[in-house]
Amino acid sequence: MTSFLRRIGFASAALAQVKDGTAAASHPAAALRGRTDALRSAALALLSIRFVQGFIYWGGGSRRFIYAPAKLDPNTASWMANKLQSAMPGALLGTDQLIAYLLHHFYFLYSSLILFSAAELITGLLLITGLLTRAAALVSIGLSVMLMLMFGWQGATCIDEWTMAACNSAIGATLMLGGSGAFSLDNALLARRPALAGRPWFRWMSGALPLPMRSESFQRIAVAALAATVIFSVATYDYLRGSVVTPFHGGPVSPSKHHLSLTDGVLLPNGAVRFHAYLDGGTPAAPSNVMTAVLTSIDGSALEQWDGTTLSHLPASAIANEFAYNRFASGPFGLRAQMGAMATITLPAANVSDTGNLSRAATLQLRTVNGNVFNVRIRTE
């Protein structure tokens, strides 16, 4: 065992005779030996974060494939599509449209979840073992960026999803530049097959040797990675929470306070009211409950009212959900909605003695169990 570790740990020193593939004439063996020793020292310092980064992604994939397979089962409550839909309201740079498209196309959705989970699992395993370390680190950056764009706004008490994505993207950039060096399968492969030192693909994808470029080029790439990391982290933090060039704020989408966006309010000829509702803010940990709906006139007087009992007995035909996962539905306290739910809802005509008054209808108000009121203008069909 000791000889095996020594062989792995000092494989780089055995390659002191190998010259840099990009500039053999100007980079003699001594220079490469110095760069290799420096890389080995840096990679030793990065062993802990390489393991943790790998374990984070391994944990994400293994939970779905091994320890909690119900997450990939469309027939269970923990099906991943529910979590994906709950992230849709605050997703950045058009990823909300991508999520909506996937939610409407089951086969694309299921394939995407399988592929993403497999990418997490494999990337994590490669980083833990130090195999094709730079390639795995690059993939981990891509996974971190996607997670930031989709989930970075969430976190009711702190911006925990943002913190995870920001840290993982920075760690990925560091490992991509630093490599794996000693105590990695990359180094074990190099010890067994020294000829790999002359293969460009191995130099770029693994982490056992310095990247095949001059020091000046490496410095430019490192500074570019720093700039990208700073811009990505600071810009998303400022947009989601402020505290950079603006005061701290709750974000465009609140991760704690439920919010209903109401549109397309219509008074039907029979006195029923139809409207479109989207729960586009709040925590996915608990549903939002609408306790009362009131149709008011221009002067604010109530024309029709639907109490919690009426809302809790709405037939399924009165609620046309746009997605099959998080939904609006009748609940024990009224109308219940899960985060990201979107539906067209029809409230039945109430018993009013003077239907002529309905022509004065101006606004529909929904009042939630927390006392929040959401309005939508009403037009006559």
Protein backbone atom coordinates (compact mmCIF):
# COMPACT_ATOMS: atom_id res chain seq x y z
CA MET A 1 0.00 0.00 0.00
CA THR A 2 2.82 2.40 0.94
CA SER A 3 4.65 1.76 -2.33
CA PHE A 4 1.40 2.30 -4.26
CA LEU A 5 0.79 5.68 -2.61
CA ARG A 6 4.41 6.67 -3.18
CA ARG A 7 4.03 5.70 -6.80
CA ILE A 8 0.88 7.84 -7.13
CA GLY A 9 2.18 10.77 -5.13
CA PHE A 10 5.49 11.10 -6.93
CA ALA A 11 4.52 10.12 -10.44
CA SER A 12 4.95 13.74 -11.50
CA ALA A 13 8.59 13.75 -10.47
CA ALA A 14 9.22 10.77 -12.70
CA LEU A 15 8.13 12.93 -15.62
CA ALA A 16 10.79 15.56 -15.13
CA GLN A 17 12.25 14.63 -18.51
CA VAL A 18 9.00 15.59 -20.30
CA LYS A 19 8.89 19.01 -21.92
CA ASP A 20 5.88 21.34 -22.17
CA GLY A 21 3.80 20.38 -25.21
CA THR A 22 3.19 23.99 -26.32
CA ALA A 23 6.71 25.31 -26.26
CA ALA A 24 9.25 22.49 -26.04
CA ALA A 25 12.19 24.66 -27.00
CA SER A 26 11.63 27.35 -24.40
CA HIS A 27 10.47 25.10 -21.53
CA PRO A 28 13.24 22.68 -20.56
CA ALA A 29 12.74 19.76 -18.23
CA ALA A 30 13.82 21.75 -15.18
CA ALA A 31 11.12 24.36 -15.74
CA LEU A 32 8.46 21.70 -16.19
CA ARG A 33 9.71 19.94 -13.08
CA GLY A 34 9.26 23.16 -11.11
CA ARG A 35 5.77 23.72 -12.46
CA THR A 36 4.83 20.10 -11.78
CA ASP A 37 6.08 20.30 -8.20
CA ALA A 38 4.14 23.54 -7.69
CA LEU A 39 1.01 21.93 -9.14
CA ARG A 40 1.45 18.92 -6.86
CA SER A 41 1.71 21.17 -3.78
CA ALA A 42 -1.37 23.16 -4.83
CA ALA A 43 -3.34 20.00 -5.57
CA LEU A 44 -2.44 18.59 -2.14
CA ALA A 45 -3.87 21.75 -0.60
CA LEU A 46 -7.04 21.25 -2.65
CA LEU A 47 -7.67 17.63 -1.62
CA SER A 48 -10.29 18.57 0.96
CA ILE A 49 -12.35 20.79 -1.30
CA ARG A 50 -12.02 18.30 -4.16
CA PHE A 51 -13.55 15.64 -1.94
CA VAL A 52 -16.31 17.91 -0.61
CA GLN A 53 -17.21 19.21 -4.08
CA GLY A 54 -17.34 15.65 -5.34
CA PHE A 55 -19.37 14.43 -2.38
CA ILE A 56 -21.93 17.23 -2.81
CA TYR A 57 -22.64 16.22 -6.39
CA TRP A 58 -22.36 12.51 -5.66
CA GLY A 59 -24.90 13.02 -2.87
CA GLY A 60 -27.32 14.82 -5.19
CA GLY A 61 -27.23 12.05 -7.79
CA SER A 62 -27.04 9.09 -5.41
CA ARG A 63 -30.08 10.24 -3.44
CA ARG A 64 -32.21 9.96 -6.56
CA PHE A 65 -30.73 6.77 -7.96
CA ILE A 66 -29.94 4.84 -4.76
CA TYR A 67 -31.16 6.21 -1.44
CA ALA A 68 -34.41 8.00 -2.36
CA PRO A 69 -35.47 6.66 -5.78
CA ALA A 70 -39.00 8.01 -5.24
CA LYS A 71 -37.61 11.38 -6.33
CA LEU A 72 -37.50 9.98 -9.87
CA ASP A 73 -40.89 8.29 -9.62
CA PRO A 74 -43.66 10.39 -11.24
CA ASN A 75 -46.27 8.65 -9.08
CA THR A 76 -44.90 9.85 -5.72
CA ALA A 77 -45.24 13.13 -3.83
CA SER A 78 -41.45 13.60 -3.83
CA TRP A 79 -41.25 13.43 -7.65
CA MET A 80 -38.61 15.97 -8.74
CA ALA A 81 -40.97 17.75 -11.13
CA ASN A 82 -42.72 19.28 -8.11
CA LYS A 83 -39.47 20.86 -6.91
CA LEU A 84 -38.67 22.01 -10.42
CA GLN A 85 -42.04 23.71 -10.77
CA SER A 86 -41.65 25.40 -7.38
CA ALA A 87 -38.44 27.01 -8.70
CA MET A 88 -40.07 28.32 -11.88
CA PRO A 89 -41.37 31.71 -10.59
CA GLY A 90 -37.91 33.03 -9.70
CA ALA A 91 -35.77 31.30 -12.32
CA LEU A 92 -33.39 33.65 -14.14
CA LEU A 93 -32.45 34.36 -17.76
CA GLY A 94 -35.39 32.55 -19.34
CA THR A 95 -34.88 29.27 -17.52
CA ASP A 96 -38.46 29.64 -16.27
CA GLN A 97 -39.60 29.17 -19.87
CA LEU A 98 -37.37 26.11 -20.18
CA ILE A 99 -38.90 24.66 -17.01
CA ALA A 100 -42.42 25.35 -18.27
CA TYR A 101 -41.61 23.63 -21.56
CA LEU A 102 -40.28 20.56 -19.76
CA LEU A 103 -43.31 20.43 -17.46
CA HIS A 104 -45.56 20.36 -20.52
CA HIS A 105 -43.56 17.57 -22.21
CA PHE A 106 -43.20 14.59 -19.91
CA TYR A 107 -40.64 12.60 -21.91
CA PHE A 108 -38.29 15.57 -22.19
CA LEU A 109 -38.84 16.29 -18.50
CA TYR A 110 -38.09 12.74 -17.38
CA SER A 111 -35.06 12.44 -19.66
CA SER A 112 -33.69 15.78 -18.41
CA LEU A 113 -34.03 14.78 -14.77
CA ILE A 114 -32.32 11.44 -15.41
CA LEU A 115 -29.48 13.08 -17.35
CA PHE A 116 -28.99 15.85 -14.79
CA SER A 117 -28.96 13.36 -11.91
CA ALA A 118 -26.52 11.11 -13.80
CA ALA A 119 -24.27 14.10 -14.50
CA GLU A 120 -24.24 14.94 -10.78
CA LEU A 121 -23.50 11.33 -9.82
CA ILE A 122 -20.68 10.83 -12.34
CA THR A 123 -19.15 14.27 -11.80
CA GLY A 124 -19.11 13.70 -8.06
CA LEU A 125 -17.47 10.30 -8.39
CA LEU A 126 -14.81 11.64 -10.77
CA LEU A 127 -13.95 14.49 -8.41
CA ILE A 128 -13.80 12.26 -5.32
CA THR A 129 -11.43 9.84 -7.05
CA GLY A 130 -9.54 12.49 -9.03
CA LEU A 131 -10.22 10.97 -12.44
CA LEU A 132 -10.39 13.38 -15.40
CA THR A 133 -10.44 16.04 -12.72
CA ARG A 134 -10.39 19.16 -14.88
CA ALA A 135 -13.18 17.90 -17.12
CA ALA A 136 -15.28 16.96 -14.08
CA ALA A 137 -14.61 20.37 -12.48
CA LEU A 138 -15.75 22.10 -15.67
CA VAL A 139 -18.98 20.09 -15.65
CA SER A 140 -19.50 20.99 -11.98
CA ILE A 141 -19.29 24.68 -12.93
CA GLY A 142 -22.02 24.16 -15.50
CA LEU A 143 -24.19 22.33 -12.96
CA SER A 144 -23.66 25.13 -10.43
CA VAL A 145 -24.65 27.80 -12.94
CA MET A 146 -27.83 25.94 -13.87
CA LEU A 147 -28.73 25.43 -10.21
CA MET A 148 -28.12 29.12 -9.52
CA LEU A 149 -30.32 30.23 -12.42
CA MET A 150 -33.17 27.94 -11.38
CA PHE A 151 -33.02 27.79 -7.58
CA GLY A 152 -30.73 30.65 -6.49
CA TRP A 153 -33.63 32.87 -5.39
CA GLN A 154 -34.97 30.36 -2.88
CA GLY A 155 -34.25 30.26 0.84
CA ALA A 156 -36.77 31.72 3.27
CA THR A 157 -34.39 32.60 6.13
CA CYS A 158 -31.14 33.01 4.18
CA ILE A 159 -30.11 32.73 0.57
CA ASP A 160 -28.95 29.16 1.02
CA GLU A 161 -29.53 28.03 -2.57
CA TRP A 162 -27.55 31.03 -3.83
CA THR A 163 -24.75 30.33 -1.36
CA MET A 164 -24.46 26.70 -2.44
CA ALA A 165 -24.38 27.54 -6.15
CA ALA A 166 -21.92 30.44 -5.74
CA CYS A 167 -19.52 28.39 -3.62
CA ASN A 168 -19.69 25.36 -5.92
CA SER A 169 -19.00 27.44 -9.03
CA ALA A 170 -15.92 28.98 -7.37
CA ILE A 171 -14.70 25.59 -6.17
CA GLY A 172 -15.19 24.15 -9.66
CA ALA A 173 -13.13 26.96 -11.19
CA THR A 174 -10.35 26.39 -8.64
CA LEU A 175 -10.21 22.65 -9.26
CA MET A 176 -10.27 23.15 -13.03
CA LEU A 177 -7.15 25.31 -12.77
CA GLY A 178 -5.42 23.46 -9.93
CA GLY A 179 -6.02 19.91 -11.08
CA SER A 180 -5.73 16.82 -8.92
CA GLY A 181 -2.00 16.26 -8.65
CA ALA A 182 -1.00 13.65 -6.10
CA PHE A 183 -3.34 11.02 -4.66
CA SER A 184 -5.70 10.79 -7.60
CA LEU A 185 -6.55 8.28 -10.29
CA ASP A 186 -5.20 10.77 -12.82
CA ASN A 187 -1.80 10.40 -11.22
CA ALA A 188 -2.16 6.63 -10.95
CA LEU A 189 -2.85 6.42 -14.69
CA LEU A 190 0.16 8.61 -15.38
CA ALA A 191 2.35 6.40 -13.21
CA ARG A 192 1.28 3.31 -15.14
CA ARG A 193 1.41 4.96 -18.56
CA PRO A 194 3.97 7.81 -18.62
CA ALA A 195 3.30 8.27 -22.34
CA LEU A 196 0.02 9.99 -21.40
CA ALA A 197 2.11 13.03 -20.50
CA GLY A 198 2.50 13.69 -24.20
CA ARG A 199 -1.21 13.40 -25.01
CA PRO A 200 -2.92 16.82 -25.24
CA TRP A 201 -6.33 15.42 -24.23
CA PHE A 202 -4.86 14.01 -21.04
CA ARG A 203 -3.13 17.27 -20.16
CA TRP A 204 -6.37 19.23 -20.64
CA MET A 205 -8.87 16.81 -19.09
CA SER A 206 -6.92 15.28 -16.21
CA GLY A 207 -5.26 17.08 -13.33
CA ALA A 208 -1.97 15.24 -12.95
CA LEU A 209 0.13 17.72 -14.95
CA PRO A 210 0.15 21.47 -15.56
CA LEU A 211 -1.98 22.70 -18.43
CA PRO A 212 -0.04 22.72 -21.73
CA MET A 213 0.45 26.46 -21.95
CA ARG A 214 2.85 29.19 -20.96
CA SER A 215 2.66 30.75 -17.52
CA GLU A 216 1.41 34.01 -19.04
CA SER A 217 -1.49 32.21 -20.75
CA PHE A 218 -2.34 30.36 -17.55
CA GLN A 219 -2.41 33.63 -15.65
CA ARG A 220 -4.82 35.15 -18.17
CA ILE A 221 -7.15 32.14 -17.86
CA ALA A 222 -6.99 32.32 -14.06
CA VAL A 223 -7.83 36.04 -14.08
CA ALA A 224 -10.68 35.41 -16.55
CA ALA A 225 -12.05 32.67 -14.26
CA LEU A 226 -11.83 35.08 -11.32
CA ALA A 227 -13.65 37.81 -13.25
CA ALA A 228 -16.40 35.43 -14.35
CA THR A 229 -16.83 34.14 -10.79
CA VAL A 230 -16.97 37.64 -9.31
CA ILE A 231 -19.46 38.92 -11.90
CA PHE A 232 -21.63 35.82 -11.59
CA SER A 233 -21.74 35.89 -7.79
CA VAL A 234 -22.02 39.62 -7.19
CA ALA A 235 -24.53 40.27 -9.99
CA THR A 236 -26.89 37.49 -8.93
CA TYR A 237 -26.61 38.50 -5.27
CA ASP A 238 -27.38 42.13 -6.07
CA TYR A 239 -30.35 41.16 -8.24
CA LEU A 240 -31.79 38.69 -5.76
CA ARG A 241 -31.07 40.53 -2.49
CA GLY A 242 -29.29 43.83 -3.07
CA SER A 243 -26.64 44.86 -0.50
CA VAL A 244 -24.12 45.65 -3.25
CA VAL A 245 -25.15 48.90 -4.95
CA THR A 246 -28.67 48.97 -3.45
CA PRO A 247 -30.03 48.35 0.07
CA PHE A 248 -30.95 44.83 1.07
CA HIS A 249 -34.33 43.79 -0.32
CA GLY A 250 -36.57 40.74 -0.44
CA GLY A 251 -35.87 40.06 -4.09
CA PRO A 252 -38.06 40.17 -7.19
CA VAL A 253 -39.62 36.92 -5.96
CA SER A 254 -40.06 36.39 -2.23
CA PRO A 255 -38.96 32.96 -0.96
CA SER A 256 -41.10 33.31 2.17
CA LYS A 257 -44.27 35.34 1.45
CA HIS A 258 -46.79 33.82 -0.94
CA HIS A 259 -47.87 36.00 -3.84
CA LEU A 260 -50.68 35.47 -6.33
CA SER A 261 -50.62 37.06 -9.78
CA LEU A 262 -54.18 37.35 -11.09
CA THR A 263 -55.03 38.15 -14.73
CA ASP A 264 -57.80 37.79 -17.31
CA GLY A 265 -60.72 38.38 -14.95
CA VAL A 266 -64.06 37.90 -16.77
CA LEU A 267 -67.67 38.14 -15.60
CA LEU A 268 -69.61 35.50 -17.51
CA PRO A 269 -73.24 36.08 -18.62
CA ASN A 270 -74.60 33.68 -15.98
CA GLY A 271 -72.90 35.55 -13.13
CA ALA A 272 -69.93 33.20 -12.81
CA VAL A 273 -66.43 34.73 -12.66
CA ARG A 274 -63.40 33.32 -14.45
CA PHE A 275 -59.79 34.36 -13.86
CA HIS A 276 -56.22 33.15 -14.25
CA ALA A 277 -54.08 32.66 -11.14
CA TYR A 278 -50.37 32.00 -10.69
CA LEU A 279 -48.71 31.42 -7.31
CA ASP A 280 -45.44 33.12 -8.22
CA GLY A 281 -43.90 33.80 -4.83
CA GLY A 282 -43.39 32.15 -1.46
CA THR A 283 -42.10 28.94 0.04
CA PRO A 284 -42.77 25.49 -1.42
CA ALA A 285 -42.81 24.11 2.13
CA ALA A 286 -46.48 25.03 2.61
CA PRO A 287 -49.38 25.78 0.25
CA SER A 288 -51.18 29.09 -0.02
CA ASN A 289 -54.83 29.02 1.07
CA VAL A 290 -57.44 31.39 -0.37
CA MET A 291 -60.21 31.78 2.20
CA THR A 292 -62.55 34.24 0.49
CA ALA A 293 -63.26 35.67 -2.96
CA VAL A 294 -65.27 38.89 -3.31
CA LEU A 295 -66.59 40.55 -6.45
CA THR A 296 -66.75 44.30 -5.86
CA SER A 297 -68.16 47.26 -7.76
CA ILE A 298 -66.42 50.49 -8.69
CA ASP A 299 -67.44 52.05 -5.34
CA GLY A 300 -66.06 49.06 -3.42
CA SER A 301 -69.35 47.47 -2.42
CA ALA A 302 -69.58 43.67 -2.52
CA LEU A 303 -71.69 42.20 -5.33
CA GLU A 304 -70.87 38.51 -4.88
CA GLN A 305 -68.91 36.57 -2.32
CA TRP A 306 -67.55 33.03 -2.13
CA ASP A 307 -66.55 31.95 1.36
CA GLY A 308 -64.17 29.20 2.42
CA THR A 309 -66.86 26.55 2.40
CA THR A 310 -67.84 27.35 -1.18
CA LEU A 311 -64.22 27.45 -2.35
CA SER A 312 -63.42 24.17 -0.62
CA HIS A 313 -66.22 22.49 -2.57
CA LEU A 314 -65.34 23.77 -6.03
CA PRO A 315 -65.61 20.90 -8.52
CA ALA A 316 -62.51 19.77 -10.35
CA SER A 317 -64.07 21.02 -13.59
CA ALA A 318 -63.91 24.59 -12.24
CA ILE A 319 -60.11 24.49 -11.94
CA ALA A 320 -58.12 24.06 -15.17
CA ASN A 321 -54.49 23.58 -14.10
CA GLU A 322 -51.77 24.25 -16.66
CA PHE A 323 -49.31 21.80 -15.13
CA ALA A 324 -49.80 18.25 -13.89
CA TYR A 325 -47.65 18.64 -10.77
CA ASN A 326 -48.02 21.60 -8.39
CA ARG A 327 -51.69 22.57 -8.70
CA PHE A 328 -54.60 24.66 -7.55
CA ALA A 329 -57.24 22.51 -5.86
CA SER A 330 -60.06 22.66 -3.35
CA GLY A 331 -58.68 22.28 0.17
CA PRO A 332 -60.06 22.00 3.68
CA PHE A 333 -59.94 25.79 4.21
CA GLY A 334 -60.83 27.08 0.77
CA LEU A 335 -58.80 27.16 -2.44
CA ARG A 336 -55.31 25.73 -2.02
CA ALA A 337 -52.29 26.29 -4.28
CA GLN A 338 -48.78 24.83 -4.29
CA MET A 339 -45.77 26.94 -5.26
CA GLY A 340 -45.59 27.50 -9.01
CA ALA A 341 -49.21 26.42 -9.58
CA MET A 342 -50.95 28.07 -12.51
CA ALA A 343 -54.62 27.63 -13.40
CA THR A 344 -57.75 29.16 -14.89
CA ILE A 345 -60.45 29.11 -12.22
CA THR A 346 -64.19 29.60 -12.57
CA LEU A 347 -66.21 30.67 -9.54
CA PRO A 348 -69.87 29.65 -9.79
CA ALA A 349 -72.65 32.25 -9.94
CA ALA A 350 -73.78 33.22 -6.45
CA ASN A 351 -77.38 33.63 -5.39
CA VAL A 352 -78.00 37.34 -5.87
CA SER A 353 -81.43 38.93 -5.92
CA ASP A 354 -80.55 41.62 -8.46
CA THR A 355 -78.36 40.26 -11.24
CA GLY A 356 -78.41 43.67 -12.87
CA ASN A 357 -76.00 44.92 -10.24
CA LEU A 358 -73.37 42.57 -11.64
CA SER A 359 -72.91 44.94 -14.57
CA ARG A 360 -71.15 47.24 -12.09
CA ALA A 361 -68.53 44.59 -11.30
CA ALA A 362 -65.04 46.05 -11.35
CA THR A 363 -62.69 43.95 -9.24
CA LEU A 364 -62.31 40.43 -7.90
CA GLN A 365 -60.49 40.18 -4.57
CA LEU A 366 -58.90 37.01 -3.21
CA ARG A 367 -58.06 36.95 0.49
CA THR A 368 -55.64 34.38 1.85
CA VAL A 369 -55.41 32.79 5.28
CA ASN A 370 -52.54 35.16 6.13
CA GLY A 371 -54.69 38.21 5.48
CA ASN A 372 -53.15 39.14 2.14
CA VAL A 373 -55.43 40.51 -0.57
CA PHE A 374 -54.87 40.11 -4.32
CA ASN A 375 -56.97 41.90 -6.95
CA VAL A 376 -57.78 41.47 -10.61
CA ARG A 377 -59.83 43.79 -12.78
CA ILE A 378 -63.01 42.30 -14.17
CA ARG A 379 -64.39 42.77 -17.66
CA THR A 380 -67.74 41.60 -18.96
CA GLU A 381 -67.83 38.88 -21.58
